[in-house]
Amino acid sequence: MKDGNSTLSMNSKPAQYCLNRPRKNLEWIHSRLSHYVSKLTDPNWDFVLDFGCGTGDVTKNILLPHCLNVTKLFAVDIQPAFVEFARETFSDERIEYMVLDITQKTPPQWAKMFDKVFAFYSFHYVKDIRKFLEVLWGILKPGGYFLSLGIASSPQFSVWLEMSKKEEWKQYFIGLEKYIPFTHMSNDYFTEIKKVGEKCGFVTLAVTSSLKSVTFDSEKQFLDFYEATLPEEIVKQIPVEDFDRFLKEYGKELKKNQVTKNADGTVTVQISVLEICLQSKSSR
């Protein structure tokens, strides 16, 4: 677990997270990635970075096929359990998985090395946007691209805030603000991202948000997935004998927030997704 302005960790249950991730999320990533890649004018794909690679399934199955003639695809995450799972489950000779928080330290040889940097469902874990974009500008080649596809707002964050007010559970949610994306609380994050991006040496090509319905095959898949996204710092504090009761209440709160249980047994969740595409300038 990192603190301060670093990126943050989710509960270390990589197999559970990977198994229960809804197919629609993966289909959306594939669709939007294809859309943006077709518009990138820089043809170079020598060195590519996947920031917050998680379980590695998106890295190998969705991103890698777009990386034509790639020399090396570096895939980094701060969670050792997730990186280990990615190495074991989604390995490829062109991918190098690493435990690394780039907001804290980057290898010196990475300076102006990358043609493209991608972030899939990981940008919302960044707490210091300016520092993150400054790091990106330092590792991207002039004219290189940063593309983020992920969450702006999701019911899980509202539920965490609600659980933090409950007398029985609030002691475990101290410091929760670290885990709530600023995009979940702000109505004008478009302006902020563009402004900070410009100051850090980027041209803004896109900052857009839209509502998206995500459907889980069953209520169990829905609950298992959102259990896997609970911050590890919270989960590890809850006594073992109280954890099942906590999960039951957590599930009840989840089902109250923009969640629909359908007649066929599937569960649909409404989330707000965020697309960011920036191009690095040669100077700031």
Protein backbone atom coordinates (compact mmCIF):
# COMPACT_ATOMS: atom_id res chain seq x y z
CA MET A 1 0.00 0.00 0.00
CA LYS A 2 1.24 3.42 -0.91
CA ASP A 3 0.37 6.67 0.78
CA GLY A 4 0.67 10.38 0.13
CA ASN A 5 0.15 11.34 -3.49
CA SER A 6 0.91 7.94 -4.97
CA THR A 7 -1.52 5.73 -6.80
CA LEU A 8 -3.65 3.46 -4.64
CA SER A 9 -4.34 -0.24 -4.34
CA MET A 10 -7.55 -2.24 -4.60
CA ASN A 11 -8.16 -5.46 -2.69
CA SER A 12 -5.58 -8.05 -3.82
CA LYS A 13 -7.87 -10.69 -5.27
CA PRO A 14 -6.69 -10.83 -8.88
CA ALA A 15 -8.36 -14.10 -9.87
CA GLN A 16 -11.70 -12.99 -8.41
CA TYR A 17 -11.43 -9.60 -10.12
CA CYS A 18 -10.47 -11.08 -13.49
CA LEU A 19 -13.10 -13.83 -13.42
CA ASN A 20 -15.96 -11.49 -12.54
CA ARG A 21 -15.11 -8.48 -14.68
CA PRO A 22 -18.16 -7.90 -16.91
CA ARG A 23 -17.70 -8.65 -20.60
CA LYS A 24 -19.20 -5.28 -21.52
CA ASN A 25 -16.26 -3.51 -19.86
CA LEU A 26 -13.81 -5.41 -22.02
CA GLU A 27 -15.88 -4.88 -25.17
CA TRP A 28 -16.02 -1.15 -24.47
CA ILE A 29 -12.24 -0.94 -23.99
CA HIS A 30 -11.68 -2.79 -27.27
CA SER A 31 -14.13 -0.59 -29.16
CA ARG A 32 -12.82 2.74 -27.85
CA LEU A 33 -9.18 1.71 -28.18
CA SER A 34 -9.76 0.81 -31.82
CA HIS A 35 -11.46 4.18 -32.35
CA TYR A 36 -8.56 6.20 -30.95
CA VAL A 37 -5.75 4.11 -32.46
CA SER A 38 -7.22 4.74 -35.90
CA LYS A 39 -6.82 8.49 -35.29
CA LEU A 40 -3.28 8.57 -33.87
CA THR A 41 -1.00 10.15 -36.46
CA ASP A 42 2.29 8.89 -34.98
CA PRO A 43 2.91 5.42 -36.50
CA ASN A 44 5.61 4.41 -34.01
CA TRP A 45 4.90 1.64 -31.49
CA ASP A 46 8.44 0.69 -30.46
CA PHE A 47 7.97 1.15 -26.71
CA VAL A 48 4.54 1.17 -25.10
CA LEU A 49 3.50 1.44 -21.45
CA ASP A 50 0.33 0.06 -19.85
CA PHE A 51 -0.19 1.97 -16.60
CA GLY A 52 -2.14 0.03 -13.95
CA CYS A 53 -2.18 -3.23 -15.88
CA GLY A 54 -3.96 -5.13 -13.09
CA THR A 55 -4.49 -8.78 -13.99
CA GLY A 56 -2.90 -8.45 -17.46
CA ASP A 57 -5.86 -9.71 -19.49
CA VAL A 58 -6.45 -6.32 -21.14
CA THR A 59 -2.71 -5.89 -21.68
CA LYS A 60 -2.31 -9.12 -23.60
CA ASN A 61 -5.71 -9.71 -25.19
CA ILE A 62 -6.76 -6.17 -26.11
CA LEU A 63 -3.79 -3.77 -26.09
CA LEU A 64 -1.02 -5.99 -27.46
CA PRO A 65 -2.80 -6.79 -30.77
CA HIS A 66 -2.85 -3.03 -31.48
CA CYS A 67 0.87 -2.65 -30.82
CA LEU A 68 2.17 -3.42 -34.29
CA ASN A 69 5.94 -4.02 -34.46
CA VAL A 70 6.29 -3.28 -30.74
CA THR A 71 9.76 -3.83 -29.29
CA LYS A 72 8.56 -4.00 -25.70
CA LEU A 73 5.25 -3.45 -23.95
CA PHE A 74 5.91 -2.57 -20.32
CA ALA A 75 2.94 -3.25 -18.04
CA VAL A 76 3.14 -1.80 -14.54
CA ASP A 77 0.99 -2.00 -11.43
CA ILE A 78 1.65 -1.26 -7.75
CA GLN A 79 0.02 -4.48 -6.54
CA PRO A 80 2.49 -7.40 -6.43
CA ALA A 81 -0.28 -10.02 -6.34
CA PHE A 82 -1.82 -8.64 -9.54
CA VAL A 83 1.52 -8.46 -11.34
CA GLU A 84 2.36 -12.02 -10.32
CA PHE A 85 -1.04 -13.18 -11.59
CA ALA A 86 -0.48 -11.32 -14.89
CA ARG A 87 2.93 -12.94 -15.38
CA GLU A 88 1.55 -16.40 -14.70
CA THR A 89 -1.69 -16.05 -16.67
CA PHE A 90 -1.14 -13.54 -19.49
CA SER A 91 2.55 -13.75 -20.33
CA ASP A 92 4.06 -12.92 -23.73
CA GLU A 93 7.68 -12.45 -24.75
CA ARG A 94 6.87 -8.89 -25.85
CA ILE A 95 5.36 -7.93 -22.47
CA GLU A 96 7.37 -7.10 -19.36
CA TYR A 97 5.22 -6.96 -16.22
CA MET A 98 6.64 -4.86 -13.39
CA VAL A 99 5.65 -3.82 -9.86
CA LEU A 100 6.12 -0.08 -10.10
CA ASP A 101 4.48 3.19 -9.06
CA ILE A 102 5.61 5.62 -11.76
CA THR A 103 4.48 8.61 -9.70
CA GLN A 104 7.18 7.74 -7.16
CA LYS A 105 10.04 6.51 -9.35
CA THR A 106 10.72 5.66 -12.98
CA PRO A 107 13.83 3.98 -14.41
CA PRO A 108 16.19 6.69 -15.72
CA GLN A 109 16.41 4.96 -19.10
CA TRP A 110 12.70 5.62 -19.59
CA ALA A 111 13.28 9.34 -20.20
CA LYS A 112 11.55 10.26 -23.51
CA MET A 113 11.39 6.55 -24.37
CA PHE A 114 7.71 5.76 -24.91
CA ASP A 115 5.68 6.23 -28.06
CA LYS A 116 2.36 5.53 -26.32
CA VAL A 117 1.11 5.25 -22.73
CA PHE A 118 -2.26 3.66 -21.96
CA ALA A 119 -4.39 3.44 -18.82
CA PHE A 120 -7.44 1.17 -18.68
CA TYR A 121 -9.65 1.56 -15.61
CA SER A 122 -6.65 2.82 -13.63
CA PHE A 123 -6.48 6.62 -14.04
CA HIS A 124 -9.10 7.11 -11.30
CA TYR A 125 -6.60 5.72 -8.77
CA VAL A 126 -4.24 8.64 -9.42
CA LYS A 127 -4.44 11.21 -6.63
CA ASP A 128 -2.03 13.89 -7.85
CA ILE A 129 -3.00 14.55 -11.47
CA ARG A 130 -0.33 17.19 -12.04
CA LYS A 131 2.49 14.98 -10.79
CA PHE A 132 1.25 12.06 -12.86
CA LEU A 133 1.09 14.11 -16.08
CA GLU A 134 4.52 15.59 -15.40
CA VAL A 135 5.90 12.05 -15.14
CA LEU A 136 4.13 11.10 -18.37
CA TRP A 137 5.57 14.11 -20.20
CA GLY A 138 9.03 13.04 -19.03
CA ILE A 139 8.74 9.47 -20.37
CA LEU A 140 6.83 10.15 -23.60
CA LYS A 141 8.62 11.05 -26.79
CA PRO A 142 7.66 14.42 -28.28
CA GLY A 143 4.45 13.77 -30.19
CA GLY A 144 3.72 10.65 -28.13
CA TYR A 145 0.23 9.88 -26.88
CA PHE A 146 -1.49 9.16 -23.57
CA LEU A 147 -4.88 7.45 -23.74
CA SER A 148 -6.99 6.67 -20.68
CA LEU A 149 -10.27 4.75 -20.81
CA GLY A 150 -11.94 4.25 -17.47
CA ILE A 151 -14.23 5.40 -14.70
CA ALA A 152 -15.36 8.92 -13.91
CA SER A 153 -18.02 7.91 -11.40
CA SER A 154 -19.40 4.59 -10.16
CA PRO A 155 -21.95 3.44 -7.55
CA GLN A 156 -19.22 1.70 -5.56
CA PHE A 157 -17.73 5.06 -4.55
CA SER A 158 -21.10 6.32 -3.30
CA VAL A 159 -21.51 3.11 -1.32
CA TRP A 160 -18.07 3.45 0.28
CA LEU A 161 -19.01 6.97 1.36
CA GLU A 162 -22.32 5.68 2.74
CA MET A 163 -20.66 2.81 4.62
CA SER A 164 -18.18 5.27 6.14
CA LYS A 165 -21.11 6.99 7.92
CA LYS A 166 -22.45 3.83 9.54
CA GLU A 167 -21.54 3.54 13.20
CA GLU A 168 -20.46 -0.10 12.95
CA TRP A 169 -18.17 0.32 9.96
CA LYS A 170 -16.92 3.92 9.97
CA GLN A 171 -13.75 3.05 11.91
CA TYR A 172 -12.57 0.98 8.95
CA PHE A 173 -13.17 3.76 6.42
CA ILE A 174 -10.94 6.40 8.00
CA GLY A 175 -9.00 8.12 5.21
CA LEU A 176 -11.55 7.01 2.61
CA GLU A 177 -11.11 10.25 0.65
CA LYS A 178 -7.86 8.76 -0.70
CA TYR A 179 -9.89 6.22 -2.65
CA ILE A 180 -12.62 8.44 -4.07
CA PRO A 181 -11.70 9.78 -7.55
CA PHE A 182 -11.92 13.55 -7.87
CA THR A 183 -14.07 12.96 -10.95
CA HIS A 184 -16.71 11.33 -8.72
CA MET A 185 -17.02 14.50 -6.62
CA SER A 186 -16.46 17.22 -9.24
CA ASN A 187 -18.81 18.55 -11.91
CA ASP A 188 -16.05 20.33 -13.82
CA TYR A 189 -13.20 17.85 -14.07
CA PHE A 190 -13.07 18.37 -17.85
CA THR A 191 -11.71 21.88 -17.37
CA GLU A 192 -9.29 20.78 -14.67
CA ILE A 193 -7.81 17.94 -16.73
CA LYS A 194 -7.40 20.17 -19.79
CA LYS A 195 -5.83 22.98 -17.76
CA VAL A 196 -3.38 20.72 -15.92
CA GLY A 197 -2.57 18.86 -19.13
CA GLU A 198 -1.69 22.10 -20.93
CA LYS A 199 0.57 23.22 -18.05
CA CYS A 200 2.32 19.85 -18.08
CA GLY A 201 3.12 19.99 -21.79
CA PHE A 202 0.20 18.28 -23.52
CA VAL A 203 -2.25 19.09 -26.25
CA THR A 204 -5.74 17.88 -25.33
CA LEU A 205 -7.26 15.78 -28.11
CA ALA A 206 -10.22 14.50 -26.10
CA VAL A 207 -11.68 14.64 -22.60
CA THR A 208 -15.18 13.20 -22.74
CA SER A 209 -17.56 11.45 -20.39
CA SER A 210 -20.69 9.40 -20.99
CA LEU A 211 -23.08 7.14 -19.12
CA LYS A 212 -22.69 3.42 -19.71
CA SER A 213 -24.74 0.41 -18.65
CA VAL A 214 -22.69 -2.55 -17.44
CA THR A 215 -24.46 -5.90 -17.14
CA PHE A 216 -23.32 -8.78 -14.95
CA ASP A 217 -24.46 -12.32 -15.72
CA SER A 218 -25.73 -12.87 -12.18
CA GLU A 219 -26.08 -11.20 -8.80
CA LYS A 220 -23.18 -13.33 -7.53
CA GLN A 221 -20.87 -12.06 -10.27
CA PHE A 222 -21.95 -8.51 -9.48
CA LEU A 223 -21.26 -8.88 -5.75
CA ASP A 224 -17.99 -10.80 -6.22
CA PHE A 225 -16.67 -8.15 -8.61
CA TYR A 226 -17.41 -5.25 -6.30
CA GLU A 227 -15.98 -7.16 -3.34
CA ALA A 228 -12.74 -7.47 -5.32
CA THR A 229 -12.62 -3.70 -5.85
CA LEU A 230 -12.77 -2.85 -2.14
CA PRO A 231 -9.57 -1.06 -1.03
CA GLU A 232 -7.21 -3.53 0.61
CA GLU A 233 -6.53 -1.12 3.46
CA ILE A 234 -10.21 -1.30 4.44
CA VAL A 235 -10.65 -5.05 3.95
CA LYS A 236 -7.66 -6.07 6.05
CA GLN A 237 -8.93 -4.11 9.07
CA ILE A 238 -12.35 -5.76 9.30
CA PRO A 239 -12.32 -8.67 11.80
CA VAL A 240 -12.72 -12.07 10.16
CA GLU A 241 -15.79 -12.86 12.26
CA ASP A 242 -17.51 -9.67 11.02
CA PHE A 243 -16.54 -9.86 7.36
CA ASP A 244 -19.50 -11.86 6.04
CA ARG A 245 -21.89 -9.46 7.77
CA PHE A 246 -19.98 -6.52 6.30
CA LEU A 247 -20.21 -7.98 2.80
CA LYS A 248 -23.93 -8.58 3.20
CA GLU A 249 -24.53 -4.95 4.16
CA TYR A 250 -22.14 -3.76 1.45
CA GLY A 251 -24.13 -5.75 -1.12
CA LYS A 252 -27.43 -4.31 0.11
CA GLU A 253 -26.08 -0.76 -0.24
CA LEU A 254 -24.72 -1.51 -3.71
CA LYS A 255 -28.10 -2.69 -4.92
CA LYS A 256 -29.63 0.66 -3.91
CA ASN A 257 -27.33 2.70 -6.15
CA GLN A 258 -28.16 2.84 -9.87
CA VAL A 259 -28.43 -0.95 -9.96
CA THR A 260 -31.22 -2.91 -11.66
CA LYS A 261 -31.89 -6.61 -11.16
CA ASN A 262 -33.38 -7.85 -14.43
CA ALA A 263 -36.02 -10.54 -14.97
CA ASP A 264 -33.45 -12.93 -16.48
CA GLY A 265 -31.28 -12.79 -13.36
CA THR A 266 -28.70 -10.41 -14.77
CA VAL A 267 -27.74 -7.21 -12.94
CA THR A 268 -27.21 -3.87 -14.68
CA VAL A 269 -25.17 -1.02 -13.22
CA GLN A 270 -25.01 2.57 -14.47
CA ILE A 271 -21.54 4.11 -14.43
CA SER A 272 -19.97 7.22 -15.90
CA VAL A 273 -16.94 6.52 -18.08
CA LEU A 274 -14.13 8.93 -18.91
CA GLU A 275 -11.98 9.08 -22.05
CA ILE A 276 -8.79 11.14 -22.08
CA CYS A 277 -6.46 11.47 -25.06
CA LEU A 278 -3.43 13.78 -24.81
CA GLN A 279 -0.44 14.35 -27.08
CA SER A 280 2.95 15.38 -25.70
CA LYS A 281 4.46 18.62 -26.97
CA SER A 282 8.20 19.00 -27.51
CA SER A 283 8.39 21.74 -24.86
CA ARG A 284 6.29 23.18 -22.05
